[in-house]
Amino acid sequence: MAGEDRRQQDDLDARERARTRRRDRDADAQARDLLRPGMGKVFKQIQDAQAKAAKEPVRRDRRA
C-alpha cells in the first residue's frame, strides 16, 4: 500500500503535493492541540460537567 501511495504522490505536481501536506498537517493540528500543557485540566472540567449533567433529572414541560 505504501508503494501505491508513493505512485499517487509522484503523479501530482508540486502545488498539489504542497496542498496535500498542508491539508494533512491541518487535520493533525486539532489532535496535537489537545496535547498542550494545561489541556488535561480542561478535559477534567468537561468530564465533571458532563457527569453533573447526567446526575440531574431531565426537566420536562407540563404542557407536553
PDB file of N, CA and C in Angstrom:
ATOM      1  N   MET A   1       0.825  -1.183   0.000  1.00  0.00           N
ATOM      2  CA  MET A   1       0.000   0.000   0.000  1.00  0.00           C
ATOM      3  C   MET A   1       0.876   1.256   0.000  1.00  0.00           C
ATOM      4  N   ALA A   2       2.030   1.207   0.608  1.00  0.00           N
ATOM      5  CA  ALA A   2       2.920   2.364   0.631  1.00  0.00           C
ATOM      6  C   ALA A   2       3.405   2.693  -0.776  1.00  0.00           C
ATOM      7  N   GLY A   3       3.635   1.668  -1.590  1.00  0.00           N
ATOM      8  CA  GLY A   3       4.058   1.889  -2.965  1.00  0.00           C
ATOM      9  C   GLY A   3       2.983   2.579  -3.773  1.00  0.00           C
ATOM     10  N   GLU A   4       1.734   2.202  -3.554  1.00  0.00           N
ATOM     11  CA  GLU A   4       0.610   2.836  -4.232  1.00  0.00           C
ATOM     12  C   GLU A   4       0.526   4.308  -3.873  1.00  0.00           C
ATOM     13  N   ASP A   5       0.686   4.613  -2.583  1.00  0.00           N
ATOM     14  CA  ASP A   5       0.624   5.988  -2.104  1.00  0.00           C
ATOM     15  C   ASP A   5       1.751   6.801  -2.738  1.00  0.00           C
ATOM     16  N   ARG A   6       2.945   6.211  -2.820  1.00  0.00           N
ATOM     17  CA  ARG A   6       4.097   6.899  -3.405  1.00  0.00           C
ATOM     18  C   ARG A   6       3.845   7.200  -4.883  1.00  0.00           C
ATOM     19  N   ARG A   7       3.248   6.236  -5.607  1.00  0.00           N
ATOM     20  CA  ARG A   7       2.950   6.445  -7.026  1.00  0.00           C
ATOM     21  C   ARG A   7       1.946   7.573  -7.204  1.00  0.00           C
ATOM     22  N   GLN A   8       0.945   7.640  -6.317  1.00  0.00           N
ATOM     23  CA  GLN A   8      -0.037   8.713  -6.398  1.00  0.00           C
ATOM     24  C   GLN A   8       0.632  10.063  -6.199  1.00  0.00           C
ATOM     25  N   GLN A   9       1.529  10.164  -5.252  1.00  0.00           N
ATOM     26  CA  GLN A   9       2.204  11.430  -4.987  1.00  0.00           C
ATOM     27  C   GLN A   9       3.114  11.813  -6.139  1.00  0.00           C
ATOM     28  N   ASP A  10       3.721  10.842  -6.806  1.00  0.00           N
ATOM     29  CA  ASP A  10       4.580  11.145  -7.945  1.00  0.00           C
ATOM     30  C   ASP A  10       3.782  11.709  -9.105  1.00  0.00           C
ATOM     31  N   ASP A  11       2.511  11.323  -9.208  1.00  0.00           N
ATOM     32  CA  ASP A  11       1.660  11.804 -10.281  1.00  0.00           C
ATOM     33  C   ASP A  11       1.224  13.252 -10.062  1.00  0.00           C
ATOM     34  N   LEU A  12       1.270  13.738  -8.835  1.00  0.00           N
ATOM     35  CA  LEU A  12       0.823  15.093  -8.523  1.00  0.00           C
ATOM     36  C   LEU A  12       1.927  16.098  -8.797  1.00  0.00           C
ATOM     37  N   ASP A  13       1.554  17.293  -9.198  1.00  0.00           N
ATOM     38  CA  ASP A  13       2.567  18.329  -9.371  1.00  0.00           C
ATOM     39  C   ASP A  13       2.923  18.925  -8.013  1.00  0.00           C
ATOM     40  N   ALA A  14       3.901  19.780  -7.977  1.00  0.00           N
ATOM     41  CA  ALA A  14       4.429  20.317  -6.712  1.00  0.00           C
ATOM     42  C   ALA A  14       3.367  21.065  -5.922  1.00  0.00           C
ATOM     43  N   ARG A  15       2.513  21.813  -6.611  1.00  0.00           N
ATOM     44  CA  ARG A  15       1.476  22.574  -5.893  1.00  0.00           C
ATOM     45  C   ARG A  15       0.475  21.642  -5.220  1.00  0.00           C
ATOM     46  N   GLU A  16       0.117  20.573  -5.910  1.00  0.00           N
ATOM     47  CA  GLU A  16      -0.820  19.615  -5.322  1.00  0.00           C
ATOM     48  C   GLU A  16      -0.200  18.893  -4.130  1.00  0.00           C
ATOM     49  N   ARG A  17       1.081  18.539  -4.240  1.00  0.00           N
ATOM     50  CA  ARG A  17       1.761  17.887  -3.104  1.00  0.00           C
ATOM     51  C   ARG A  17       1.798  18.805  -1.899  1.00  0.00           C
ATOM     52  N   ALA A  18       2.081  20.090  -2.123  1.00  0.00           N
ATOM     53  CA  ALA A  18       2.109  21.058  -1.018  1.00  0.00           C
ATOM     54  C   ALA A  18       0.727  21.205  -0.403  1.00  0.00           C
ATOM     55  N   ARG A  19      -0.298  21.247  -1.243  1.00  0.00           N
ATOM     56  CA  ARG A  19      -1.668  21.373  -0.754  1.00  0.00           C
ATOM     57  C   ARG A  19      -2.048  20.154   0.083  1.00  0.00           C
ATOM     58  N   THR A  20      -1.639  18.976  -0.362  1.00  0.00           N
ATOM     59  CA  THR A  20      -1.929  17.749   0.368  1.00  0.00           C
ATOM     60  C   THR A  20      -1.217  17.744   1.723  1.00  0.00           C
ATOM     61  N   ARG A  21       0.043  18.175   1.749  1.00  0.00           N
ATOM     62  CA  ARG A  21       0.781  18.234   3.026  1.00  0.00           C
ATOM     63  C   ARG A  21       0.132  19.207   3.987  1.00  0.00           C
ATOM     64  N   ARG A  22      -0.293  20.379   3.497  1.00  0.00           N
ATOM     65  CA  ARG A  22      -0.962  21.359   4.365  1.00  0.00           C
ATOM     66  C   ARG A  22      -2.270  20.804   4.905  1.00  0.00           C
ATOM     67  N   ARG A  23      -3.037  20.129   4.046  1.00  0.00           N
ATOM     68  CA  ARG A  23      -4.307  19.543   4.481  1.00  0.00           C
ATOM     69  C   ARG A  23      -4.078  18.516   5.575  1.00  0.00           C
ATOM     70  N   ASP A  24      -3.078  17.653   5.387  1.00  0.00           N
ATOM     71  CA  ASP A  24      -2.781  16.632   6.390  1.00  0.00           C
ATOM     72  C   ASP A  24      -2.286  17.263   7.689  1.00  0.00           C
ATOM     73  N   ARG A  25      -1.449  18.291   7.579  1.00  0.00           N
ATOM     74  CA  ARG A  25      -0.929  18.960   8.778  1.00  0.00           C
ATOM     75  C   ARG A  25      -2.066  19.651   9.527  1.00  0.00           C
ATOM     76  N   ASP A  26      -2.969  20.300   8.798  1.00  0.00           N
ATOM     77  CA  ASP A  26      -4.105  20.966   9.435  1.00  0.00           C
ATOM     78  C   ASP A  26      -5.037  19.962  10.098  1.00  0.00           C
ATOM     79  N   ALA A  27      -5.194  18.799   9.485  1.00  0.00           N
ATOM     80  CA  ALA A  27      -6.057  17.767  10.070  1.00  0.00           C
ATOM     81  C   ALA A  27      -5.460  17.242  11.370  1.00  0.00           C
ATOM     82  N   ASP A  28      -4.147  17.160  11.447  1.00  0.00           N
ATOM     83  CA  ASP A  28      -3.483  16.677  12.655  1.00  0.00           C
ATOM     84  C   ASP A  28      -3.367  17.752  13.736  1.00  0.00           C
ATOM     85  N   ALA A  29      -3.574  19.011  13.363  1.00  0.00           N
ATOM     86  CA  ALA A  29      -3.393  20.110  14.319  1.00  0.00           C
ATOM     87  C   ALA A  29      -4.355  20.010  15.490  1.00  0.00           C
ATOM     88  N   GLN A  30      -5.578  19.608  15.243  1.00  0.00           N
ATOM     89  CA  GLN A  30      -6.561  19.520  16.322  1.00  0.00           C
ATOM     90  C   GLN A  30      -6.145  18.469  17.345  1.00  0.00           C
ATOM     91  N   ALA A  31      -5.629  17.339  16.889  1.00  0.00           N
ATOM     92  CA  ALA A  31      -5.177  16.295  17.813  1.00  0.00           C
ATOM     93  C   ALA A  31      -3.954  16.774  18.602  1.00  0.00           C
ATOM     94  N   ARG A  32      -3.046  17.478  17.936  1.00  0.00           N
ATOM     95  CA  ARG A  32      -1.857  17.991  18.630  1.00  0.00           C
ATOM     96  C   ARG A  32      -2.239  19.062  19.635  1.00  0.00           C
ATOM     97  N   ASP A  33      -3.280  19.815  19.346  1.00  0.00           N
ATOM     98  CA  ASP A  33      -3.721  20.886  20.236  1.00  0.00           C
ATOM     99  C   ASP A  33      -4.128  20.338  21.597  1.00  0.00           C
ATOM    100  N   LEU A  34      -4.674  19.125  21.617  1.00  0.00           N
ATOM    101  CA  LEU A  34      -5.102  18.524  22.886  1.00  0.00           C
ATOM    102  C   LEU A  34      -3.920  18.089  23.754  1.00  0.00           C
ATOM    103  N   LEU A  35      -2.732  18.047  23.190  1.00  0.00           N
ATOM    104  CA  LEU A  35      -1.555  17.623  23.948  1.00  0.00           C
ATOM    105  C   LEU A  35      -0.837  18.790  24.611  1.00  0.00           C
ATOM    106  N   ARG A  36      -1.327  19.997  24.425  1.00  0.00           N
ATOM    107  CA  ARG A  36      -0.685  21.165  25.031  1.00  0.00           C
ATOM    108  C   ARG A  36      -0.768  21.091  26.553  1.00  0.00           C
ATOM    109  N   PRO A  37       0.197  21.709  27.237  1.00  0.00           N
ATOM    110  CA  PRO A  37       0.128  21.748  28.697  1.00  0.00           C
ATOM    111  C   PRO A  37      -1.146  22.461  29.155  1.00  0.00           C
ATOM    112  N   GLY A  38      -1.769  21.921  30.186  1.00  0.00           N
ATOM    113  CA  GLY A  38      -2.969  22.521  30.740  1.00  0.00           C
ATOM    114  C   GLY A  38      -4.258  21.968  30.160  1.00  0.00           C
ATOM    115  N   MET A  39      -4.168  21.226  29.078  1.00  0.00           N
ATOM    116  CA  MET A  39      -5.379  20.705  28.459  1.00  0.00           C
ATOM    117  C   MET A  39      -5.976  19.564  29.288  1.00  0.00           C
ATOM    118  N   GLY A  40      -5.192  18.922  30.125  1.00  0.00           N
ATOM    119  CA  GLY A  40      -5.714  17.877  30.999  1.00  0.00           C
ATOM    120  C   GLY A  40      -6.742  18.453  31.969  1.00  0.00           C
ATOM    121  N   LYS A  41      -6.470  19.663  32.449  1.00  0.00           N
ATOM    122  CA  LYS A  41      -7.397  20.327  33.365  1.00  0.00           C
ATOM    123  C   LYS A  41      -8.715  20.631  32.653  1.00  0.00           C
ATOM    124  N   VAL A  42      -8.626  21.096  31.418  1.00  0.00           N
ATOM    125  CA  VAL A  42      -9.833  21.401  30.649  1.00  0.00           C
ATOM    126  C   VAL A  42     -10.628  20.123  30.417  1.00  0.00           C
ATOM    127  N   PHE A  43      -9.941  19.046  30.074  1.00  0.00           N
ATOM    128  CA  PHE A  43     -10.599  17.764  29.848  1.00  0.00           C
ATOM    129  C   PHE A  43     -11.326  17.312  31.108  1.00  0.00           C
ATOM    130  N   LYS A  44     -10.680  17.460  32.260  1.00  0.00           N
ATOM    131  CA  LYS A  44     -11.277  17.070  33.542  1.00  0.00           C
ATOM    132  C   LYS A  44     -12.520  17.915  33.829  1.00  0.00           C
ATOM    133  N   GLN A  45     -12.443  19.204  33.539  1.00  0.00           N
ATOM    134  CA  GLN A  45     -13.589  20.077  33.767  1.00  0.00           C
ATOM    135  C   GLN A  45     -14.779  19.670  32.895  1.00  0.00           C
ATOM    136  N   ILE A  46     -14.497  19.302  31.659  1.00  0.00           N
ATOM    137  CA  ILE A  46     -15.559  18.870  30.753  1.00  0.00           C
ATOM    138  C   ILE A  46     -16.193  17.586  31.261  1.00  0.00           C
ATOM    139  N   GLN A  47     -15.359  16.643  31.692  1.00  0.00           N
ATOM    140  CA  GLN A  47     -15.882  15.382  32.219  1.00  0.00           C
ATOM    141  C   GLN A  47     -16.727  15.617  33.470  1.00  0.00           C
ATOM    142  N   ASP A  48     -16.265  16.476  34.355  1.00  0.00           N
ATOM    143  CA  ASP A  48     -17.020  16.771  35.578  1.00  0.00           C
ATOM    144  C   ASP A  48     -18.370  17.401  35.249  1.00  0.00           C
ATOM    145  N   ALA A  49     -18.399  18.318  34.282  1.00  0.00           N
ATOM    146  CA  ALA A  49     -19.655  18.967  33.905  1.00  0.00           C
ATOM    147  C   ALA A  49     -20.621  17.952  33.297  1.00  0.00           C
ATOM    148  N   GLN A  50     -20.098  17.039  32.477  1.00  0.00           N
ATOM    149  CA  GLN A  50     -20.961  16.022  31.874  1.00  0.00           C
ATOM    150  C   GLN A  50     -21.502  15.064  32.936  1.00  0.00           C
ATOM    151  N   ALA A  51     -20.681  14.702  33.906  1.00  0.00           N
ATOM    152  CA  ALA A  51     -21.132  13.808  34.974  1.00  0.00           C
ATOM    153  C   ALA A  51     -22.214  14.484  35.812  1.00  0.00           C
ATOM    154  N   LYS A  52     -22.033  15.765  36.096  1.00  0.00           N
ATOM    155  CA  LYS A  52     -23.024  16.512  36.877  1.00  0.00           C
ATOM    156  C   LYS A  52     -24.345  16.599  36.116  1.00  0.00           C
ATOM    157  N   ALA A  53     -24.264  16.866  34.817  1.00  0.00           N
ATOM    158  CA  ALA A  53     -25.472  16.963  33.997  1.00  0.00           C
ATOM    159  C   ALA A  53     -26.190  15.618  33.923  1.00  0.00           C
ATOM    160  N   ALA A  54     -25.455  14.538  33.937  1.00  0.00           N
ATOM    161  CA  ALA A  54     -26.067  13.209  33.857  1.00  0.00           C
ATOM    162  C   ALA A  54     -26.805  12.858  35.146  1.00  0.00           C
ATOM    163  N   LYS A  55     -26.365  13.398  36.276  1.00  0.00           N
ATOM    164  CA  LYS A  55     -26.995  13.100  37.566  1.00  0.00           C
ATOM    165  C   LYS A  55     -28.279  13.883  37.775  1.00  0.00           C
ATOM    166  N   GLU A  56     -28.379  15.055  37.144  1.00  0.00           N
ATOM    167  CA  GLU A  56     -29.560  15.891  37.327  1.00  0.00           C
ATOM    168  C   GLU A  56     -30.719  15.325  36.517  1.00  0.00           C
ATOM    169  N   PRO A  57     -31.916  15.326  37.088  1.00  0.00           N
ATOM    170  CA  PRO A  57     -33.074  14.823  36.345  1.00  0.00           C
ATOM    171  C   PRO A  57     -33.418  15.757  35.181  1.00  0.00           C
ATOM    172  N   VAL A  58     -33.978  15.205  34.147  1.00  0.00           N
ATOM    173  CA  VAL A  58     -34.358  15.979  32.975  1.00  0.00           C
ATOM    174  C   VAL A  58     -35.640  16.741  33.288  1.00  0.00           C
ATOM    175  N   ARG A  59     -35.630  18.047  33.035  1.00  0.00           N
ATOM    176  CA  ARG A  59     -36.827  18.857  33.273  1.00  0.00           C
ATOM    177  C   ARG A  59     -37.721  18.768  32.054  1.00  0.00           C
ATOM    178  N   ARG A  60     -38.989  18.542  32.294  1.00  0.00           N
ATOM    179  CA  ARG A  60     -39.947  18.456  31.202  1.00  0.00           C
ATOM    180  C   ARG A  60     -41.068  19.456  31.439  1.00  0.00           C
ATOM    181  N   ASP A  61     -41.535  20.055  30.360  1.00  0.00           N
ATOM    182  CA  ASP A  61     -42.663  20.976  30.459  1.00  0.00           C
ATOM    183  C   ASP A  61     -43.929  20.198  30.785  1.00  0.00           C
ATOM    184  N   ARG A  62     -44.791  20.798  31.580  1.00  0.00           N
ATOM    185  CA  ARG A  62     -46.038  20.130  31.933  1.00  0.00           C
ATOM    186  C   ARG A  62     -47.054  20.212  30.773  1.00  0.00           C
ATOM    187  N   ARG A  63     -46.804  21.142  29.855  1.00  0.00           N
ATOM    188  CA  ARG A  63     -47.708  21.309  28.717  1.00  0.00           C
ATOM    189  C   ARG A  63     -47.612  20.138  27.748  1.00  0.00           C
ATOM    190  N   ALA A  64     -46.509  19.528  27.652  1.00  0.00           N
ATOM    191  CA  ALA A  64     -46.301  18.484  26.630  1.00  0.00           C
ATOM    192  C   ALA A  64     -47.041  17.209  26.917  1.00  0.00           C
TER     193      ALA A  64
END
